[in-house]
């Protein structure tokens, strides 16, 4: 005879507790159906780039879980975009949101246009801009070029920095682009303080030499 484990009092208590709805993330079924970000899949690459930007921001702001991001995004497809997604291989439905974006770029952004975006990224440098302004411009260039690999993002950011700032943080082992930005910001502040402070040591040495000559 098979013995059944008797339930402890806490087991009955747990059965009566309803499952709490997460307050920090949005399920695919909880997405606001009135907040549509339609994508039609025209031949204009800027249509896709703008849609990708809006969808990225929407998924992030609403904290949509990774397993629901592709569903939440592709339900906004219309016309050719819907037809394209309908005829993609079945394994595409298991793709993550980053992989889906890469597949969409191959379909809706021509290679020549992608090359132009990469050239714009390579030409994005700090110049006379502050670190804060340069960082914002770099993030836009990275997004438009579709560069989301952390190592590549840090590489492009470092390559565009002023030499004096890049030398100060070159040996620091930053793990993310945001960490690189914070390090560069601190280096910029240190350089500004150094330029603003009077060269007291040099002034004292010059004065001493002048007194000896007198």
N, C-alpha and C. Protein backbone atom coordinates (compact mmCIF):
# COMPACT_ATOMS: atom_id res chain seq x y z
N UNK A 1 0.85 -1.20 0.00
CA UNK A 1 0.00 0.00 0.00
C UNK A 1 0.88 1.24 0.00
N UNK A 2 0.57 2.14 -0.88
CA UNK A 2 1.38 3.35 -1.02
C UNK A 2 0.97 4.37 0.02
N UNK A 3 1.94 4.86 0.76
CA UNK A 3 1.65 5.84 1.81
C UNK A 3 1.72 7.24 1.23
N UNK A 4 0.75 8.04 1.59
CA UNK A 4 0.72 9.43 1.15
C UNK A 4 1.23 10.31 2.27
N UNK A 5 2.05 11.29 1.89
CA UNK A 5 2.59 12.21 2.89
C UNK A 5 1.49 13.13 3.37
N UNK A 6 1.34 13.21 4.68
CA UNK A 6 0.34 14.10 5.23
C UNK A 6 0.81 15.55 5.09
N UNK A 7 -0.12 16.39 4.77
CA UNK A 7 0.22 17.80 4.60
C UNK A 7 0.35 18.49 5.95
N UNK A 8 1.39 19.26 6.06
CA UNK A 8 1.58 20.05 7.27
C UNK A 8 0.65 21.25 7.23
N UNK A 9 0.36 21.85 8.39
CA UNK A 9 -0.54 23.01 8.41
C UNK A 9 -0.09 24.13 7.48
N UNK A 10 1.24 24.33 7.36
CA UNK A 10 1.71 25.42 6.49
C UNK A 10 1.42 25.14 5.02
N UNK A 11 1.30 23.83 4.65
CA UNK A 11 0.98 23.49 3.27
C UNK A 11 -0.42 23.97 2.91
N UNK A 12 -1.37 23.79 3.83
CA UNK A 12 -2.73 24.25 3.58
C UNK A 12 -2.77 25.77 3.50
N UNK A 13 -1.98 26.41 4.33
CA UNK A 13 -1.97 27.87 4.33
C UNK A 13 -1.43 28.40 3.01
N UNK A 14 -0.40 27.73 2.47
CA UNK A 14 0.18 28.19 1.22
C UNK A 14 -0.77 27.98 0.05
N UNK A 15 -1.58 26.91 0.11
CA UNK A 15 -2.51 26.65 -0.98
C UNK A 15 -3.58 27.74 -1.07
N UNK A 16 -3.91 28.35 0.04
CA UNK A 16 -4.96 29.35 0.05
C UNK A 16 -4.45 30.73 -0.38
N UNK A 17 -3.13 30.89 -0.40
CA UNK A 17 -2.58 32.19 -0.76
C UNK A 17 -2.64 32.39 -2.27
N UNK A 18 -3.18 33.50 -2.74
CA UNK A 18 -3.19 33.77 -4.18
C UNK A 18 -1.81 34.16 -4.66
N UNK A 19 -1.51 33.88 -5.92
CA UNK A 19 -0.23 34.26 -6.49
C UNK A 19 -0.21 35.77 -6.70
N UNK A 20 0.83 36.39 -6.16
CA UNK A 20 0.94 37.83 -6.26
C UNK A 20 1.42 38.24 -7.63
N UNK A 21 0.85 39.28 -8.16
CA UNK A 21 1.27 39.81 -9.45
C UNK A 21 2.50 40.68 -9.26
N UNK A 22 3.48 40.50 -10.11
CA UNK A 22 4.72 41.26 -9.98
C UNK A 22 4.46 42.74 -10.14
N UNK A 23 5.06 43.52 -9.25
CA UNK A 23 4.90 44.97 -9.31
C UNK A 23 6.05 45.64 -10.03
N UNK A 24 7.05 44.85 -10.45
CA UNK A 24 8.24 45.43 -11.06
C UNK A 24 8.40 45.07 -12.53
N UNK A 25 7.55 44.22 -13.06
CA UNK A 25 7.67 43.86 -14.46
C UNK A 25 6.29 43.71 -15.08
N UNK A 26 6.24 43.85 -16.39
CA UNK A 26 4.98 43.79 -17.12
C UNK A 26 4.93 42.54 -17.96
N UNK A 27 3.90 41.76 -17.80
CA UNK A 27 3.72 40.57 -18.62
C UNK A 27 3.23 40.97 -20.00
N UNK A 28 3.44 40.08 -20.96
CA UNK A 28 2.96 40.33 -22.32
C UNK A 28 1.46 40.57 -22.32
N UNK A 29 0.74 39.88 -21.46
CA UNK A 29 -0.71 40.01 -21.43
C UNK A 29 -1.16 41.26 -20.68
N UNK A 30 -0.22 41.92 -19.98
CA UNK A 30 -0.56 43.14 -19.26
C UNK A 30 -0.20 44.39 -20.05
N UNK A 31 0.39 44.22 -21.24
CA UNK A 31 0.80 45.38 -22.01
C UNK A 31 -0.41 46.21 -22.43
N UNK A 32 -0.23 47.50 -22.45
CA UNK A 32 -1.31 48.41 -22.82
C UNK A 32 -1.59 48.29 -24.31
N UNK A 33 -2.75 47.74 -24.66
CA UNK A 33 -3.06 47.51 -26.06
C UNK A 33 -3.33 48.82 -26.79
N UNK A 34 -3.59 49.89 -26.04
CA UNK A 34 -3.83 51.18 -26.68
C UNK A 34 -2.52 51.89 -27.02
N UNK A 35 -1.42 51.40 -26.46
CA UNK A 35 -0.12 52.03 -26.72
C UNK A 35 0.55 51.28 -27.87
N UNK A 36 0.12 51.55 -29.07
CA UNK A 36 0.64 50.84 -30.24
C UNK A 36 1.83 51.58 -30.84
N UNK A 37 2.83 50.81 -31.25
CA UNK A 37 3.98 51.36 -31.96
C UNK A 37 4.06 50.59 -33.27
N UNK A 38 3.28 50.97 -34.26
CA UNK A 38 3.16 50.17 -35.48
C UNK A 38 4.42 50.19 -36.33
N UNK A 39 4.66 49.07 -36.97
CA UNK A 39 5.76 48.96 -37.93
C UNK A 39 5.21 48.28 -39.18
N UNK A 40 5.42 48.94 -40.36
CA UNK A 40 4.83 48.45 -41.60
C UNK A 40 5.84 47.78 -42.53
N UNK A 41 7.12 47.99 -42.28
CA UNK A 41 8.13 47.33 -43.12
C UNK A 41 8.27 47.94 -44.49
N UNK A 42 8.30 49.27 -44.57
CA UNK A 42 8.48 49.93 -45.86
C UNK A 42 9.95 49.83 -46.28
N UNK A 43 10.26 50.40 -47.43
CA UNK A 43 11.63 50.37 -47.94
C UNK A 43 12.48 51.50 -47.38
N UNK A 44 11.94 52.26 -46.46
CA UNK A 44 12.68 53.36 -45.85
C UNK A 44 13.36 52.87 -44.57
N UNK A 45 14.70 52.77 -44.55
CA UNK A 45 15.39 52.24 -43.37
C UNK A 45 15.17 53.06 -42.11
N UNK A 46 14.95 54.36 -42.27
CA UNK A 46 14.74 55.20 -41.10
C UNK A 46 13.44 54.84 -40.38
N UNK A 47 12.49 54.27 -41.11
CA UNK A 47 11.26 53.84 -40.45
C UNK A 47 11.57 52.75 -39.44
N UNK A 48 12.41 51.80 -39.85
CA UNK A 48 12.76 50.73 -38.91
C UNK A 48 13.60 51.25 -37.75
N UNK A 49 14.59 52.10 -38.03
CA UNK A 49 15.47 52.60 -36.97
C UNK A 49 14.68 53.37 -35.91
N UNK A 50 13.72 54.16 -36.35
CA UNK A 50 12.90 54.91 -35.40
C UNK A 50 11.99 53.97 -34.62
N UNK A 51 11.43 52.97 -35.30
CA UNK A 51 10.57 52.01 -34.61
C UNK A 51 11.37 51.22 -33.57
N UNK A 52 12.58 50.82 -33.93
CA UNK A 52 13.42 50.08 -32.99
C UNK A 52 13.72 50.91 -31.76
N UNK A 53 14.01 52.20 -31.96
CA UNK A 53 14.30 53.09 -30.83
C UNK A 53 13.09 53.20 -29.91
N UNK A 54 11.92 53.43 -30.48
CA UNK A 54 10.71 53.57 -29.68
C UNK A 54 10.38 52.27 -28.94
N UNK A 55 10.55 51.14 -29.63
CA UNK A 55 10.23 49.86 -29.01
C UNK A 55 11.22 49.52 -27.90
N UNK A 56 12.50 49.80 -28.13
CA UNK A 56 13.51 49.58 -27.08
C UNK A 56 13.15 50.36 -25.82
N UNK A 57 12.81 51.64 -26.01
CA UNK A 57 12.48 52.49 -24.87
C UNK A 57 11.21 51.99 -24.18
N UNK A 58 10.23 51.57 -24.97
CA UNK A 58 8.97 51.11 -24.39
C UNK A 58 9.17 49.84 -23.56
N UNK A 59 9.92 48.89 -24.10
CA UNK A 59 10.16 47.64 -23.37
C UNK A 59 10.96 47.89 -22.09
N UNK A 60 11.90 48.82 -22.17
CA UNK A 60 12.72 49.12 -20.99
C UNK A 60 11.93 49.86 -19.93
N UNK A 61 11.19 50.88 -20.34
CA UNK A 61 10.43 51.68 -19.37
C UNK A 61 9.35 50.86 -18.69
N UNK A 62 8.76 49.92 -19.41
CA UNK A 62 7.70 49.08 -18.85
C UNK A 62 8.24 47.80 -18.22
N UNK A 63 9.57 47.64 -18.24
CA UNK A 63 10.22 46.48 -17.62
C UNK A 63 9.58 45.16 -18.08
N UNK A 64 9.40 45.05 -19.39
CA UNK A 64 8.83 43.83 -19.96
C UNK A 64 9.84 42.69 -19.83
N UNK A 65 9.47 41.55 -19.30
CA UNK A 65 10.41 40.43 -19.14
C UNK A 65 10.96 39.98 -20.48
N UNK A 66 12.19 39.47 -20.51
CA UNK A 66 12.81 39.04 -21.78
C UNK A 66 11.96 38.03 -22.55
N UNK A 67 11.28 37.14 -21.84
CA UNK A 67 10.51 36.10 -22.53
C UNK A 67 9.26 36.66 -23.22
N UNK A 68 8.88 37.90 -22.90
CA UNK A 68 7.68 38.50 -23.50
C UNK A 68 8.01 39.63 -24.47
N UNK A 69 9.28 39.98 -24.61
CA UNK A 69 9.64 41.15 -25.40
C UNK A 69 9.35 40.97 -26.89
N UNK A 70 9.69 39.80 -27.44
CA UNK A 70 9.46 39.56 -28.87
C UNK A 70 7.96 39.55 -29.17
N UNK A 71 7.18 38.94 -28.30
CA UNK A 71 5.72 38.92 -28.49
C UNK A 71 5.16 40.34 -28.44
N UNK A 72 5.63 41.12 -27.47
CA UNK A 72 5.13 42.47 -27.34
C UNK A 72 5.49 43.35 -28.52
N UNK A 73 6.65 43.10 -29.13
CA UNK A 73 7.11 43.92 -30.25
C UNK A 73 6.45 43.51 -31.56
N UNK A 74 6.40 42.21 -31.83
CA UNK A 74 5.92 41.74 -33.14
C UNK A 74 4.41 41.85 -33.30
N UNK A 75 3.70 42.05 -32.23
CA UNK A 75 2.25 42.24 -32.37
C UNK A 75 1.93 43.59 -33.00
N UNK A 76 2.95 44.45 -33.13
CA UNK A 76 2.78 45.76 -33.76
C UNK A 76 3.07 45.73 -35.26
N UNK A 77 3.32 44.54 -35.81
CA UNK A 77 3.63 44.42 -37.24
C UNK A 77 2.37 44.55 -38.09
N UNK A 78 2.54 45.22 -39.23
CA UNK A 78 1.44 45.37 -40.19
C UNK A 78 2.01 45.25 -41.60
N UNK A 79 1.14 45.00 -42.55
CA UNK A 79 1.49 44.96 -43.97
C UNK A 79 2.67 44.02 -44.21
N UNK A 80 3.72 44.52 -44.89
CA UNK A 80 4.83 43.64 -45.25
C UNK A 80 5.55 43.10 -44.02
N UNK A 81 5.67 43.92 -42.97
CA UNK A 81 6.35 43.46 -41.76
C UNK A 81 5.64 42.23 -41.18
N UNK A 82 4.33 42.25 -41.19
CA UNK A 82 3.57 41.11 -40.67
C UNK A 82 3.77 39.88 -41.57
N UNK A 83 3.75 40.10 -42.88
CA UNK A 83 3.95 38.99 -43.82
C UNK A 83 5.34 38.40 -43.67
N UNK A 84 6.33 39.27 -43.52
CA UNK A 84 7.71 38.79 -43.35
C UNK A 84 7.84 37.94 -42.10
N UNK A 85 7.29 38.41 -41.00
CA UNK A 85 7.39 37.66 -39.74
C UNK A 85 6.62 36.35 -39.82
N UNK A 86 5.51 36.36 -40.54
CA UNK A 86 4.68 35.16 -40.67
C UNK A 86 5.42 34.06 -41.42
N UNK A 87 6.32 34.45 -42.33
CA UNK A 87 7.02 33.47 -43.16
C UNK A 87 8.46 33.23 -42.71
N UNK A 88 8.82 33.74 -41.56
CA UNK A 88 10.15 33.43 -41.03
C UNK A 88 10.15 32.00 -40.50
N UNK A 89 11.32 31.36 -40.44
CA UNK A 89 11.38 29.99 -39.91
C UNK A 89 10.80 29.91 -38.50
N UNK A 90 10.24 28.77 -38.17
CA UNK A 90 9.56 28.61 -36.89
C UNK A 90 10.48 28.86 -35.71
N UNK A 91 11.80 28.57 -35.87
CA UNK A 91 12.70 28.78 -34.75
C UNK A 91 12.87 30.25 -34.42
N UNK A 92 12.47 31.13 -35.34
CA UNK A 92 12.59 32.56 -35.08
C UNK A 92 11.72 32.99 -33.91
N UNK A 93 10.65 32.25 -33.65
CA UNK A 93 9.76 32.61 -32.56
C UNK A 93 10.40 32.38 -31.20
N UNK A 94 11.51 31.65 -31.18
CA UNK A 94 12.22 31.41 -29.93
C UNK A 94 13.38 32.38 -29.75
N UNK A 95 13.53 33.32 -30.68
CA UNK A 95 14.65 34.25 -30.60
C UNK A 95 14.43 35.26 -29.50
N UNK A 96 15.54 35.75 -28.97
CA UNK A 96 15.47 36.83 -28.00
C UNK A 96 15.24 38.14 -28.74
N UNK A 97 14.96 39.20 -27.99
CA UNK A 97 14.73 40.50 -28.61
C UNK A 97 15.98 41.01 -29.33
N UNK A 98 17.19 40.91 -28.76
CA UNK A 98 18.38 41.34 -29.51
C UNK A 98 18.56 40.57 -30.82
N UNK A 99 18.34 39.25 -30.81
CA UNK A 99 18.48 38.47 -32.04
C UNK A 99 17.41 38.85 -33.06
N UNK A 100 16.21 39.13 -32.58
CA UNK A 100 15.13 39.55 -33.48
C UNK A 100 15.47 40.88 -34.15
N UNK A 101 16.06 41.79 -33.40
CA UNK A 101 16.44 43.08 -33.98
C UNK A 101 17.51 42.90 -35.06
N UNK A 102 18.45 42.00 -34.82
CA UNK A 102 19.49 41.77 -35.83
C UNK A 102 18.89 41.18 -37.10
N UNK A 103 17.92 40.28 -36.95
CA UNK A 103 17.24 39.70 -38.12
C UNK A 103 16.46 40.76 -38.87
N UNK A 104 15.83 41.67 -38.14
CA UNK A 104 15.05 42.73 -38.78
C UNK A 104 15.96 43.73 -39.50
N UNK A 105 17.11 44.00 -38.93
CA UNK A 105 18.05 44.90 -39.60
C UNK A 105 18.52 44.31 -40.93
N UNK A 106 18.74 43.01 -40.95
CA UNK A 106 19.16 42.37 -42.21
C UNK A 106 18.07 42.49 -43.27
N UNK A 107 16.82 42.54 -42.84
CA UNK A 107 15.70 42.59 -43.78
C UNK A 107 15.33 44.01 -44.17
N UNK A 108 15.35 44.94 -43.22
CA UNK A 108 14.78 46.26 -43.45
C UNK A 108 15.81 47.39 -43.53
N UNK A 109 17.08 47.09 -43.29
CA UNK A 109 18.13 48.11 -43.44
C UNK A 109 19.14 47.61 -44.46
N UNK A 110 19.22 48.24 -45.64
CA UNK A 110 20.14 47.78 -46.68
C UNK A 110 21.60 47.81 -46.21
N UNK A 111 22.43 46.91 -46.74
CA UNK A 111 23.85 46.87 -46.34
C UNK A 111 24.57 48.19 -46.54
N UNK A 112 24.26 48.88 -47.64
CA UNK A 112 24.93 50.16 -47.89
C UNK A 112 24.56 51.19 -46.82
N UNK A 113 23.33 51.14 -46.36
CA UNK A 113 22.89 52.07 -45.32
C UNK A 113 23.56 51.71 -43.99
N UNK A 114 23.72 50.42 -43.75
CA UNK A 114 24.40 49.97 -42.54
C UNK A 114 25.85 50.44 -42.53
N UNK A 115 26.50 50.40 -43.69
CA UNK A 115 27.87 50.88 -43.80
C UNK A 115 27.96 52.37 -43.48
N UNK A 116 26.97 53.14 -43.94
CA UNK A 116 26.95 54.57 -43.64
C UNK A 116 26.80 54.81 -42.14
N UNK A 117 25.96 54.01 -41.49
CA UNK A 117 25.76 54.16 -40.05
C UNK A 117 27.04 53.82 -39.28
N UNK A 118 27.76 52.80 -39.75
CA UNK A 118 29.02 52.43 -39.11
C UNK A 118 30.08 53.51 -39.31
N UNK A 119 30.07 54.13 -40.49
CA UNK A 119 31.00 55.24 -40.74
C UNK A 119 30.70 56.42 -39.83
N UNK A 120 29.41 56.70 -39.64
CA UNK A 120 29.03 57.78 -38.73
C UNK A 120 29.48 57.47 -37.31
N UNK A 121 29.38 56.20 -36.93
CA UNK A 121 29.83 55.80 -35.59
C UNK A 121 31.33 56.01 -35.44
N UNK A 122 32.10 55.60 -36.44
CA UNK A 122 33.55 55.74 -36.38
C UNK A 122 33.98 57.20 -36.36
N UNK A 123 33.17 58.06 -36.95
CA UNK A 123 33.50 59.49 -37.00
C UNK A 123 32.96 60.26 -35.80
N UNK A 124 32.32 59.56 -34.88
CA UNK A 124 31.80 60.21 -33.68
C UNK A 124 32.92 60.33 -32.65
N UNK A 125 33.39 61.54 -32.45
CA UNK A 125 34.48 61.79 -31.51
C UNK A 125 34.09 62.89 -30.53
N UNK A 126 34.87 63.03 -29.48
CA UNK A 126 34.54 64.02 -28.47
C UNK A 126 34.73 65.44 -29.00
N UNK A 127 35.81 65.67 -29.71
CA UNK A 127 36.05 67.01 -30.24
C UNK A 127 36.08 68.05 -29.14
N UNK A 128 35.30 69.11 -29.32
CA UNK A 128 35.23 70.18 -28.31
C UNK A 128 34.09 69.97 -27.33
N UNK A 129 33.41 68.84 -27.43
CA UNK A 129 32.26 68.57 -26.57
C UNK A 129 32.71 68.09 -25.19
N UNK A 130 31.82 68.27 -24.23
CA UNK A 130 32.06 67.73 -22.90
C UNK A 130 31.86 66.22 -22.93
N UNK A 131 32.31 65.54 -21.88
CA UNK A 131 32.12 64.09 -21.79
C UNK A 131 30.64 63.74 -21.81
N UNK A 132 29.84 64.52 -21.12
CA UNK A 132 28.41 64.24 -21.06
C UNK A 132 27.76 64.34 -22.44
N UNK A 133 28.08 65.40 -23.18
CA UNK A 133 27.51 65.58 -24.52
C UNK A 133 28.03 64.51 -25.47
N UNK A 134 29.31 64.19 -25.35
CA UNK A 134 29.91 63.15 -26.21
C UNK A 134 29.29 61.78 -25.93
N UNK A 135 29.05 61.48 -24.67
CA UNK A 135 28.46 60.19 -24.29
C UNK A 135 27.06 60.04 -24.88
N UNK A 136 26.26 61.10 -24.82
CA UNK A 136 24.91 61.04 -25.38
C UNK A 136 24.95 60.84 -26.90
N UNK A 137 25.86 61.54 -27.56
CA UNK A 137 25.99 61.40 -29.01
C UNK A 137 26.49 60.00 -29.38
N UNK A 138 27.40 59.46 -28.59
CA UNK A 138 27.93 58.13 -28.85
C UNK A 138 26.84 57.07 -28.68
N UNK A 139 26.00 57.20 -27.68
CA UNK A 139 24.94 56.22 -27.46
C UNK A 139 23.95 56.21 -28.62
N UNK A 140 23.67 57.37 -29.17
CA UNK A 140 22.78 57.45 -30.33
C UNK A 140 23.43 56.77 -31.53
N UNK A 141 24.72 57.05 -31.75
CA UNK A 141 25.43 56.45 -32.89
C UNK A 141 25.52 54.94 -32.74
N UNK A 142 25.77 54.46 -31.53
CA UNK A 142 25.84 53.01 -31.29
C UNK A 142 24.50 52.34 -31.56
N UNK A 143 23.45 52.97 -31.11
CA UNK A 143 22.11 52.39 -31.31
C UNK A 143 21.76 52.35 -32.78
N UNK A 144 21.99 53.44 -33.49
CA UNK A 144 21.64 53.49 -34.91
C UNK A 144 22.46 52.49 -35.72
N UNK A 145 23.71 52.26 -35.32
CA UNK A 145 24.56 51.31 -36.04
C UNK A 145 24.29 49.87 -35.62
N UNK A 146 23.47 49.68 -34.60
CA UNK A 146 23.14 48.33 -34.16
C UNK A 146 24.25 47.66 -33.38
N UNK A 147 25.14 48.43 -32.78
CA UNK A 147 26.24 47.88 -32.00
C UNK A 147 25.78 47.74 -30.55
N UNK A 148 25.63 46.50 -30.09
CA UNK A 148 25.17 46.28 -28.72
C UNK A 148 26.10 45.37 -27.93
N UNK A 149 27.21 44.97 -28.53
CA UNK A 149 28.19 44.16 -27.81
C UNK A 149 28.95 45.06 -26.82
N UNK A 150 28.99 44.70 -25.54
CA UNK A 150 29.64 45.57 -24.54
C UNK A 150 31.08 45.93 -24.87
N UNK A 151 31.86 44.97 -25.36
CA UNK A 151 33.25 45.24 -25.69
C UNK A 151 33.36 46.23 -26.84
N UNK A 152 32.52 46.07 -27.86
CA UNK A 152 32.55 46.97 -29.01
C UNK A 152 32.10 48.37 -28.61
N UNK A 153 31.11 48.44 -27.74
CA UNK A 153 30.62 49.74 -27.29
C UNK A 153 31.71 50.49 -26.53
N UNK A 154 32.41 49.80 -25.65
CA UNK A 154 33.50 50.43 -24.90
C UNK A 154 34.63 50.84 -25.83
N UNK A 155 34.92 50.01 -26.84
CA UNK A 155 36.00 50.31 -27.78
C UNK A 155 35.72 51.61 -28.53
N UNK A 156 34.51 51.75 -29.08
CA UNK A 156 34.18 52.95 -29.84
C UNK A 156 34.19 54.19 -28.94
N UNK A 157 33.73 54.04 -27.72
CA UNK A 157 33.73 55.18 -26.80
C UNK A 157 35.15 55.63 -26.49
N UNK A 158 36.05 54.68 -26.24
CA UNK A 158 37.43 55.01 -25.91
C UNK A 158 38.15 55.62 -27.11
N UNK A 159 37.87 55.12 -28.31
CA UNK A 159 38.55 55.62 -29.50
C UNK A 159 38.21 57.07 -29.80
N UNK A 160 37.04 57.51 -29.38
CA UNK A 160 36.62 58.88 -29.67
C UNK A 160 36.99 59.89 -28.61
N UNK A 161 37.54 59.43 -27.49
CA UNK A 161 37.89 60.33 -26.39
C UNK A 161 39.13 61.16 -26.71
N UNK A 162 39.26 62.30 -26.02
CA UNK A 162 40.50 63.06 -26.08
C UNK A 162 41.63 62.18 -25.56
N UNK A 163 42.82 62.38 -26.13
CA UNK A 163 43.97 61.57 -25.72
C UNK A 163 44.29 61.71 -24.24
N UNK A 164 44.19 62.93 -23.71
CA UNK A 164 44.55 63.13 -22.31
C UNK A 164 43.58 62.41 -21.37
N UNK A 165 42.32 62.31 -21.78
CA UNK A 165 41.34 61.60 -20.95
C UNK A 165 41.47 60.09 -21.13
N UNK A 166 41.64 59.64 -22.36
CA UNK A 166 41.75 58.20 -22.60
C UNK A 166 42.99 57.61 -21.92
N UNK A 167 44.07 58.40 -21.85
CA UNK A 167 45.29 57.92 -21.18
C UNK A 167 45.06 57.72 -19.68
N UNK A 168 44.20 58.55 -19.10
CA UNK A 168 43.96 58.48 -17.67
C UNK A 168 43.13 57.26 -17.28
N UNK A 169 42.29 56.77 -18.19
CA UNK A 169 41.39 55.66 -17.83
C UNK A 169 41.68 54.41 -18.65
N UNK A 170 42.75 54.44 -19.45
CA UNK A 170 43.03 53.32 -20.36
C UNK A 170 43.26 52.01 -19.60
N UNK A 171 43.96 52.07 -18.49
CA UNK A 171 44.32 50.87 -17.74
C UNK A 171 43.23 50.43 -16.76
N UNK A 172 42.19 51.23 -16.61
CA UNK A 172 41.10 50.86 -15.71
C UNK A 172 40.23 49.79 -16.36
N UNK A 173 39.94 48.75 -15.62
CA UNK A 173 39.17 47.62 -16.15
C UNK A 173 37.67 47.85 -15.93
N UNK A 174 37.09 48.69 -16.77
CA UNK A 174 35.66 48.96 -16.66
C UNK A 174 34.86 47.85 -17.33
N UNK A 175 33.74 47.48 -16.72
CA UNK A 175 32.95 46.35 -17.21
C UNK A 175 31.86 46.75 -18.19
N UNK A 176 31.50 48.01 -18.23
CA UNK A 176 30.40 48.43 -19.10
C UNK A 176 30.67 49.81 -19.66
N UNK A 177 29.86 50.19 -20.64
CA UNK A 177 29.98 51.52 -21.24
C UNK A 177 29.67 52.60 -20.22
N UNK A 178 28.69 52.35 -19.37
CA UNK A 178 28.34 53.33 -18.35
C UNK A 178 29.50 53.54 -17.37
N UNK A 179 30.20 52.46 -17.04
CA UNK A 179 31.36 52.59 -16.16
C UNK A 179 32.47 53.40 -16.83
N UNK A 180 32.65 53.18 -18.13
CA UNK A 180 33.63 53.96 -18.89
C UNK A 180 33.27 55.44 -18.86
N UNK A 181 31.99 55.71 -19.01
CA UNK A 181 31.50 57.10 -18.99
C UNK A 181 31.79 57.76 -17.65
N UNK A 182 31.51 57.06 -16.56
CA UNK A 182 31.75 57.62 -15.23
C UNK A 182 33.24 57.87 -15.01
N UNK A 183 34.08 56.92 -15.46
CA UNK A 183 35.52 57.10 -15.33
C UNK A 183 36.02 58.29 -16.14
N UNK A 184 35.50 58.44 -17.36
CA UNK A 184 35.90 59.57 -18.20
C UNK A 184 35.42 60.89 -17.61
N UNK A 185 34.25 60.86 -17.00
CA UNK A 185 33.70 62.07 -16.37
C UNK A 185 34.59 62.52 -15.21
N UNK A 186 35.05 61.57 -14.41
CA UNK A 186 35.94 61.90 -13.29
C UNK A 186 37.28 62.42 -13.80
N UNK A 187 37.78 61.81 -14.87
CA UNK A 187 39.05 62.27 -15.45
C UNK A 187 38.92 63.69 -15.99
N UNK A 188 37.79 63.97 -16.62
CA UNK A 188 37.55 65.32 -17.14
C UNK A 188 37.52 66.34 -16.00
N UNK A 189 36.89 65.99 -14.90
CA UNK A 189 36.81 66.90 -13.76
C UNK A 189 38.19 67.14 -13.15
N UNK A 190 39.02 66.10 -13.11
CA UNK A 190 40.37 66.25 -12.58
C UNK A 190 41.20 67.17 -13.47
N UNK A 191 41.05 67.03 -14.78
CA UNK A 191 41.80 67.89 -15.70
C UNK A 191 41.34 69.33 -15.59
N UNK A 192 40.05 69.53 -15.42
CA UNK A 192 39.53 70.90 -15.29
C UNK A 192 40.03 71.55 -14.01
N UNK A 193 40.11 70.77 -12.92
CA UNK A 193 40.63 71.31 -11.67
C UNK A 193 42.11 71.66 -11.80
N UNK A 194 42.85 70.79 -12.51
CA UNK A 194 44.29 71.03 -12.68
C UNK A 194 44.54 72.30 -13.49
N UNK A 195 43.70 72.53 -14.50
CA UNK A 195 43.87 73.73 -15.33
C UNK A 195 43.43 74.98 -14.59
N UNK A 196 42.44 74.83 -13.71
CA UNK A 196 41.93 76.00 -12.99
C UNK A 196 42.83 76.42 -11.84
N UNK A 197 43.56 75.45 -11.25
CA UNK A 197 44.42 75.78 -10.11
C UNK A 197 45.67 76.50 -10.59
N UNK A 198 46.15 77.53 -9.85
CA UNK A 198 47.36 78.28 -10.26
C UNK A 198 48.61 77.43 -10.09
N UNK A 199 49.56 77.59 -10.97
CA UNK A 199 50.82 76.83 -10.86
C UNK A 199 51.68 77.36 -9.72
N UNK A 200 51.29 77.06 -8.48
CA UNK A 200 51.96 77.64 -7.31
C UNK A 200 53.42 77.21 -7.21
N UNK A 201 53.67 75.94 -7.50
CA UNK A 201 55.05 75.45 -7.37
C UNK A 201 55.96 76.17 -8.35
N UNK A 202 55.49 76.33 -9.59
CA UNK A 202 56.29 77.01 -10.60
C UNK A 202 56.49 78.48 -10.22
N UNK A 203 55.45 79.11 -9.67
CA UNK A 203 55.54 80.52 -9.29
C UNK A 203 56.54 80.71 -8.15
N UNK A 204 56.51 79.78 -7.18
CA UNK A 204 57.42 79.89 -6.04
C UNK A 204 58.87 79.69 -6.48
N UNK A 205 59.10 78.76 -7.39
CA UNK A 205 60.46 78.51 -7.88
C UNK A 205 61.00 79.71 -8.64
N UNK A 206 60.16 80.32 -9.46
CA UNK A 206 60.57 81.49 -10.23
C UNK A 206 60.90 82.66 -9.32
N UNK A 207 60.08 82.83 -8.27
CA UNK A 207 60.31 83.93 -7.33
C UNK A 207 61.61 83.73 -6.56
N UNK A 208 61.87 82.47 -6.18
CA UNK A 208 63.10 82.17 -5.44
C UNK A 208 64.33 82.42 -6.29
N UNK A 209 64.26 82.02 -7.55
CA UNK A 209 65.39 82.25 -8.45
C UNK A 209 65.62 83.73 -8.66
N UNK A 210 64.55 84.50 -8.75
CA UNK A 210 64.68 85.94 -8.92
C UNK A 210 65.31 86.60 -7.72
N UNK A 211 64.98 86.09 -6.50
CA UNK A 211 65.55 86.65 -5.28
C UNK A 211 67.03 86.36 -5.16
N UNK A 212 67.44 85.17 -5.61
CA UNK A 212 68.86 84.83 -5.55
C UNK A 212 69.68 85.70 -6.49
N UNK A 213 69.09 86.01 -7.65
CA UNK A 213 69.82 86.83 -8.61
C UNK A 213 69.96 88.26 -8.10
N UNK A 214 68.95 88.71 -7.34
CA UNK A 214 69.01 90.06 -6.81
C UNK A 214 70.02 90.15 -5.69
